Protein backbone atom coordinates (compact mmCIF):
# COMPACT_ATOMS: atom_id res chain seq x y z
CA MET A 1 18.20 8.11 -10.01
CA TYR A 2 15.85 8.12 -12.98
CA ASN A 3 14.27 11.44 -13.98
CA LYS A 4 11.25 11.42 -16.25
CA LYS A 5 11.56 13.38 -19.48
CA ILE A 6 7.95 14.56 -19.25
CA PRO A 7 7.17 16.18 -15.89
CA GLU A 8 4.21 14.89 -13.91
CA ASP A 9 1.15 17.13 -13.69
CA LEU A 10 0.46 17.11 -9.96
CA ASP A 11 -2.31 19.70 -10.41
CA CYS A 12 -4.48 17.06 -12.07
CA GLY A 13 -6.33 15.06 -9.41
CA ILE A 14 -6.91 12.14 -11.74
CA GLU A 15 -3.20 11.83 -12.51
CA VAL A 16 -2.30 11.99 -8.81
CA ALA A 17 -4.95 9.36 -7.96
CA SER A 18 -3.74 7.02 -10.71
CA LYS A 19 -0.16 7.41 -9.49
CA VAL A 20 -1.07 6.68 -5.86
CA PHE A 21 -3.72 3.98 -6.42
CA GLY A 22 -2.48 2.64 -9.74
CA GLY A 23 -1.02 -0.80 -9.60
CA LYS A 24 -2.54 -4.17 -10.01
CA TRP A 25 -2.96 -4.95 -6.31
CA LYS A 26 -3.26 -1.61 -4.50
CA PRO A 27 -7.09 -1.45 -4.64
CA CYS A 28 -7.23 -5.04 -3.36
CA ILE A 29 -4.79 -4.22 -0.57
CA LEU A 30 -6.90 -1.26 0.52
CA ASP A 31 -10.04 -3.40 0.36
CA SER A 32 -8.43 -6.06 2.56
CA ILE A 33 -7.40 -3.46 5.16
CA VAL A 34 -10.93 -2.01 5.21
CA LYS A 35 -12.30 -5.54 5.74
CA GLY A 36 -10.09 -6.00 8.82
CA TYR A 37 -7.01 -7.78 7.48
CA HIS A 38 -4.15 -5.79 9.00
CA ARG A 39 -1.19 -8.13 9.25
CA PRO A 40 0.85 -8.79 6.09
CA SER A 41 0.25 -12.53 6.35
CA GLU A 42 -3.53 -11.93 6.51
CA ILE A 43 -3.37 -9.65 3.48
CA HIS A 44 -1.32 -12.28 1.60
CA ARG A 45 -3.91 -14.97 2.41
CA TYR A 46 -6.75 -12.66 1.36
CA ILE A 47 -5.04 -11.83 -1.96
CA ASN A 48 -3.61 -15.26 -2.66
CA THR A 49 -3.11 -14.71 -6.41
CA ALA A 50 -0.39 -12.09 -5.85
CA SER A 51 3.11 -12.88 -4.66
CA PRO A 52 4.02 -11.71 -1.16
CA ARG A 53 6.95 -9.74 -2.59
CA VAL A 54 4.70 -7.70 -4.90
CA LEU A 55 2.21 -7.06 -2.11
CA ASN A 56 5.01 -5.90 0.20
CA ILE A 57 6.33 -3.52 -2.45
CA GLN A 58 2.88 -2.05 -3.03
CA LEU A 59 2.22 -1.79 0.72
CA ARG A 60 5.49 0.16 1.03
CA GLU A 61 4.42 2.47 -1.81
CA LEU A 62 1.05 3.10 -0.14
CA GLU A 63 2.92 3.82 3.08
CA ASN A 64 5.22 6.28 1.29
CA TYR A 65 2.16 8.07 -0.12
CA LYS A 66 0.73 8.17 3.43
CA VAL A 67 -2.38 6.23 2.48
CA VAL A 68 -1.61 3.48 5.00
CA GLU A 69 0.51 3.50 8.12
CA LYS A 70 2.59 0.68 9.46
CA LYS A 71 2.48 -0.05 13.18
CA VAL A 72 5.27 -2.19 14.59
CA PHE A 73 4.57 -3.93 17.88
CA PRO A 74 7.53 -5.00 20.03
CA GLY A 75 8.20 -8.61 20.77
CA LEU A 76 9.88 -11.60 19.25
CA PRO A 77 9.14 -11.85 16.44
CA PRO A 78 8.04 -8.23 15.98
CA ARG A 79 4.43 -7.91 14.80
CA VAL A 80 3.52 -5.50 12.00
CA GLU A 81 0.05 -4.24 11.10
CA TYR A 82 -1.20 -1.80 8.47
CA TYR A 83 -4.02 0.70 8.94
CA LEU A 84 -5.56 3.38 6.74
CA THR A 85 -4.49 6.91 7.54
CA GLU A 86 -6.87 9.86 7.73
CA SER A 87 -6.19 10.66 4.06
CA GLY A 88 -6.50 6.96 3.16
């Protein structure tokens, strides 16, 4: 695992916000969820200039930071939707 040589300053709100929301597509992803696009395929169609792989990676990062939550619905195939959390 990679450890940064300079520790992160988590007391600085701006640095925390840039870490969580930084990334080329994260603001667009959040905007699409707010506008009602919850399924990954809908988000991919809304942000058609980004590759699905990159969007999935950034969705996972937003989920790890607890900005969005992933809901998995049973069935075949399983359906996945993303929603903003309370902190998001």
